[in-house]
C-alpha atoms as a PDB file:
ATOM      1  CA  MET A   1      -0.854  12.256 -13.560  1.00  0.00           C
ATOM      2  CA  ASP A   2      -1.412  13.859 -10.049  1.00  0.00           C
ATOM      3  CA  GLU A   3      -5.431  12.831  -9.917  1.00  0.00           C
ATOM      4  CA  ALA A   4      -7.980  13.763  -7.647  1.00  0.00           C
ATOM      5  CA  TRP A   5      -8.541  11.410  -4.617  1.00  0.00           C
ATOM      6  CA  THR A   6     -11.202   8.509  -4.692  1.00  0.00           C
ATOM      7  CA  GLN A   7     -12.504   8.031  -1.384  1.00  0.00           C
ATOM      8  CA  HIS A   8     -14.833   5.206   0.321  1.00  0.00           C
ATOM      9  CA  GLY A   9     -15.324   5.330   4.247  1.00  0.00           C
ATOM     10  CA  LYS A  10     -11.738   5.225   5.783  1.00  0.00           C
ATOM     11  CA  VAL A  11      -9.663   4.622   2.557  1.00  0.00           C
ATOM     12  CA  ARG A  12      -8.830   6.927  -0.144  1.00  0.00           C
ATOM     13  CA  ALA A  13      -6.807   6.357  -3.152  1.00  0.00           C
ATOM     14  CA  ARG A  14      -5.355   7.816  -6.466  1.00  0.00           C
ATOM     15  CA  SER A  15      -3.196   6.946  -9.661  1.00  0.00           C
ATOM     16  CA  ILE A  16       0.227   8.148  -9.421  1.00  0.00           C
ATOM     17  CA  PRO A  17       3.204   7.749 -12.291  1.00  0.00           C
ATOM     18  CA  ALA A  18       3.593   4.345 -12.813  1.00  0.00           C
ATOM     19  CA  GLY A  19       1.051   3.202  -9.783  1.00  0.00           C
ATOM     20  CA  ILE A  20      -1.053   4.009  -6.970  1.00  0.00           C
ATOM     21  CA  GLU A  21      -1.137   5.613  -3.886  1.00  0.00           C
ATOM     22  CA  ILE A  22      -3.317   4.230  -0.757  1.00  0.00           C
ATOM     23  CA  VAL A  23      -3.968   5.826   2.664  1.00  0.00           C
ATOM     24  CA  VAL A  24      -6.236   4.561   5.329  1.00  0.00           C
ATOM     25  CA  ASP A  25      -6.998   6.753   7.760  1.00  0.00           C
ATOM     26  CA  GLY A  26      -6.484   5.222  11.282  1.00  0.00           C
ATOM     27  CA  VAL A  27      -4.158   2.526  12.776  1.00  0.00           C
ATOM     28  CA  THR A  28      -5.135  -0.822  14.331  1.00  0.00           C
ATOM     29  CA  THR A  29      -3.247  -3.435  15.730  1.00  0.00           C
ATOM     30  CA  GLN A  30      -5.512  -6.011  13.865  1.00  0.00           C
ATOM     31  CA  ALA A  31      -3.783  -6.655  10.514  1.00  0.00           C
ATOM     32  CA  ARG A  32      -6.768  -8.554   9.403  1.00  0.00           C
ATOM     33  CA  TYR A  33      -9.220  -5.541   9.682  1.00  0.00           C
ATOM     34  CA  TYR A  34      -7.295  -4.322   6.745  1.00  0.00           C
ATOM     35  CA  LYS A  35      -8.207  -6.670   3.747  1.00  0.00           C
ATOM     36  CA  PRO A  36     -11.851  -6.244   4.058  1.00  0.00           C
ATOM     37  CA  LEU A  37     -11.755  -2.418   4.547  1.00  0.00           C
ATOM     38  CA  ILE A  38      -9.446  -2.028   1.213  1.00  0.00           C
ATOM     39  CA  TYR A  39     -11.421  -4.994  -0.480  1.00  0.00           C
ATOM     40  CA  GLU A  40     -14.813  -2.865  -0.507  1.00  0.00           C
ATOM     41  CA  PHE A  41     -13.292   0.632  -1.040  1.00  0.00           C
ATOM     42  CA  PHE A  42     -11.566  -1.468  -4.638  1.00  0.00           C
ATOM     43  CA  ARG A  43     -14.827  -3.047  -4.971  1.00  0.00           C
ATOM     44  CA  LYS A  44     -17.189  -0.073  -4.555  1.00  0.00           C
ATOM     45  CA  ALA A  45     -15.567   2.722  -5.242  1.00  0.00           C
ATOM     46  CA  TRP A  46     -12.161   2.625  -7.294  1.00  0.00           C
ATOM     47  CA  ARG A  47     -12.206   3.587 -11.165  1.00  0.00           C
ATOM     48  CA  GLY A  48      -8.530   4.181 -11.506  1.00  0.00           C
ATOM     49  CA  ALA A  49      -5.993   1.925 -12.801  1.00  0.00           C
ATOM     50  CA  ARG A  50      -6.269  -1.983 -13.192  1.00  0.00           C
ATOM     51  CA  PRO A  51      -3.599  -4.359 -12.361  1.00  0.00           C
ATOM     52  CA  ALA A  52      -1.048  -5.299 -14.665  1.00  0.00           C
ATOM     53  CA  TRP A  53       1.924  -7.818 -15.046  1.00  0.00           C
ATOM     54  CA  GLY A  54       5.562  -6.726 -14.381  1.00  0.00           C
ATOM     55  CA  GLU A  55       7.445  -6.146 -11.158  1.00  0.00           C
ATOM     56  CA  TYR A  56       6.337  -3.801  -8.654  1.00  0.00           C
ATOM     57  CA  ALA A  57       8.047  -2.091  -5.681  1.00  0.00           C
ATOM     58  CA  VAL A  58       5.614  -1.448  -2.550  1.00  0.00           C
ATOM     59  CA  GLU A  59       6.308   0.686  -0.023  1.00  0.00           C
ATOM     60  CA  ILE A  60       4.003   0.461   3.377  1.00  0.00           C
ATOM     61  CA  ALA A  61       4.442   3.640   6.361  1.00  0.00           C
ATOM     62  CA  MET A  62       2.697   2.925   9.616  1.00  0.00           C
ATOM     63  CA  GLU A  63       2.162   6.401  11.071  1.00  0.00           C
ATOM     64  CA  TYR A  64       1.143   6.706  14.305  1.00  0.00           C
ATOM     65  CA  VAL A  65       0.590   9.504  17.250  1.00  0.00           C
ATOM     66  CA  GLY A  66       1.747   8.825  20.480  1.00  0.00           C
ATOM     67  CA  ASP A  67       3.710   5.494  21.786  1.00  0.00           C
ATOM     68  CA  PRO A  68       4.297   3.185  18.798  1.00  0.00           C
ATOM     69  CA  PRO A  69       1.768   0.160  18.400  1.00  0.00           C
ATOM     70  CA  TRP A  70       2.796  -3.167  19.253  1.00  0.00           C
ATOM     71  CA  MET A  71       2.576  -5.024  15.818  1.00  0.00           C
ATOM     72  CA  ASP A  72       4.716  -7.410  13.746  1.00  0.00           C
ATOM     73  CA  LEU A  73       5.454  -5.264  10.467  1.00  0.00           C
ATOM     74  CA  ASP A  74       5.488  -8.550   8.206  1.00  0.00           C
ATOM     75  CA  ASN A  75       2.020  -9.404   9.666  1.00  0.00           C
ATOM     76  CA  LEU A  76       1.116  -6.011   8.560  1.00  0.00           C
ATOM     77  CA  ALA A  77       2.611  -5.998   5.110  1.00  0.00           C
ATOM     78  CA  LYS A  78       0.838  -9.870   4.044  1.00  0.00           C
ATOM     79  CA  ALA A  79      -2.298  -8.401   5.030  1.00  0.00           C
ATOM     80  CA  LEU A  80      -1.959  -5.405   2.901  1.00  0.00           C
ATOM     81  CA  LEU A  81      -0.431  -7.188   0.250  1.00  0.00           C
ATOM     82  CA  ASP A  82      -3.227  -9.495  -0.013  1.00  0.00           C
ATOM     83  CA  ALA A  83      -5.633  -6.648   0.345  1.00  0.00           C
ATOM     84  CA  ILE A  84      -4.355  -5.210  -2.846  1.00  0.00           C
ATOM     85  CA  LYS A  85      -3.887  -8.009  -4.863  1.00  0.00           C
ATOM     86  CA  GLY A  86      -5.812  -8.347  -7.764  1.00  0.00           C
ATOM     87  CA  TYR A  87      -6.091  -4.449  -8.070  1.00  0.00           C
ATOM     88  CA  ALA A  88      -2.556  -2.851  -7.867  1.00  0.00           C
ATOM     89  CA  PHE A  89      -1.038  -6.045  -9.313  1.00  0.00           C
ATOM     90  CA  HIS A  90      -2.251  -9.239 -10.277  1.00  0.00           C
ATOM     91  CA  ASP A  91      -0.418 -12.026  -7.475  1.00  0.00           C
ATOM     92  CA  ASP A  92       1.602 -10.517  -4.756  1.00  0.00           C
ATOM     93  CA  ALA A  93       4.524 -12.752  -6.290  1.00  0.00           C
ATOM     94  CA  GLN A  94       4.998  -9.613  -8.588  1.00  0.00           C
ATOM     95  CA  VAL A  95       6.638  -7.499  -5.641  1.00  0.00           C
ATOM     96  CA  ALA A  96      10.165  -7.320  -6.580  1.00  0.00           C
ATOM     97  CA  ARG A  97      10.866  -4.760  -3.530  1.00  0.00           C
ATOM     98  CA  LEU A  98       9.038  -4.351  -0.547  1.00  0.00           C
ATOM     99  CA  LEU A  99       9.676  -1.145   2.163  1.00  0.00           C
ATOM    100  CA  VAL A 100       7.555  -1.672   5.512  1.00  0.00           C
ATOM    101  CA  GLU A 101       8.136   1.296   8.167  1.00  0.00           C
ATOM    102  CA  ARG A 102       6.607   2.495  11.435  1.00  0.00           C
ATOM    103  CA  ARG A 103       7.193   6.008  12.142  1.00  0.00           C
ATOM    104  CA  ALA A 104       5.710   8.518  14.275  1.00  0.00           C
ATOM    105  CA  GLY A 105       3.391  11.208  12.467  1.00  0.00           C
ATOM    106  CA  GLU A 106       0.780  14.235  12.891  1.00  0.00           C
ATOM    107  CA  ARG A 107      -2.018  11.783  12.297  1.00  0.00           C
ATOM    108  CA  GLU A 108      -2.526   8.039  12.335  1.00  0.00           C
ATOM    109  CA  ARG A 109      -2.851   6.498   9.084  1.00  0.00           C
ATOM    110  CA  MET A 110      -1.265   3.710   7.075  1.00  0.00           C
ATOM    111  CA  THR A 111       0.163   4.773   3.579  1.00  0.00           C
ATOM    112  CA  ILE A 112       0.450   2.167   0.639  1.00  0.00           C
ATOM    113  CA  VAL A 113       2.451   3.431  -2.531  1.00  0.00           C
ATOM    114  CA  VAL A 114       2.648   0.691  -5.313  1.00  0.00           C
ATOM    115  CA  THR A 115       4.777   1.456  -8.433  1.00  0.00           C
ATOM    116  CA  ARG A 116       5.756  -0.562 -11.443  1.00  0.00           C
ATOM    117  CA  LEU A 117       9.264  -1.166 -11.833  1.00  0.00           C
ATOM    118  CA  THR A 118      10.686  -0.660 -15.397  1.00  0.00           C
ATOM    119  CA  GLU A 119      12.895  -3.119 -17.097  1.00  0.00           C
ATOM    120  CA  GLY A 120      16.085  -2.920 -16.470  1.00  0.00           C
ATOM    121  CA  GLU A 121      15.794  -0.067 -13.671  1.00  0.00           C
ATOM    122  CA  ASP A 122      18.579  -0.594 -11.409  1.00  0.00           C
ATOM    123  CA  TRP A 123      16.835  -0.414  -7.701  1.00  0.00           C
ATOM    124  CA  ARG A 124      18.855  -3.031  -5.674  1.00  0.00           C
ATOM    125  CA  ILE A 125      20.626  -2.178  -2.557  1.00  0.00           C
ATOM    126  CA  ARG A 126      24.319  -1.950  -3.020  1.00  0.00           C
ATOM    127  CA  PRO A 127      26.938  -3.988  -0.931  1.00  0.00           C
ATOM    128  CA  ALA A 128      28.852  -2.136   1.566  1.00  0.00           C
END
């Protein structure tokens, strides 16, 4: 189920098995920038999967070129979860697993991968 990308401006997305992958070109240290940008994409262009109930895993990767941007990743995560709420899932309280990372890349972009956790799936971190 590797569908083609849907794009509107700097945002593109596609359905993936059990979820959605979203990519935003460019990086800014202003977390509030992402909510209207992603919201507009979903409102105007997205015709893929609709939100469902259940638990989800969300992986957010900020890729940068040069020096890492000065940004609190927790604020970034909150802004992005708010932006995709109602489109990838009904409420961000459904997020049972969240990974947010900043890493060097070949181009500046934000990648969000949302996947539905299957019932009984053991995804928890094991104690050392």
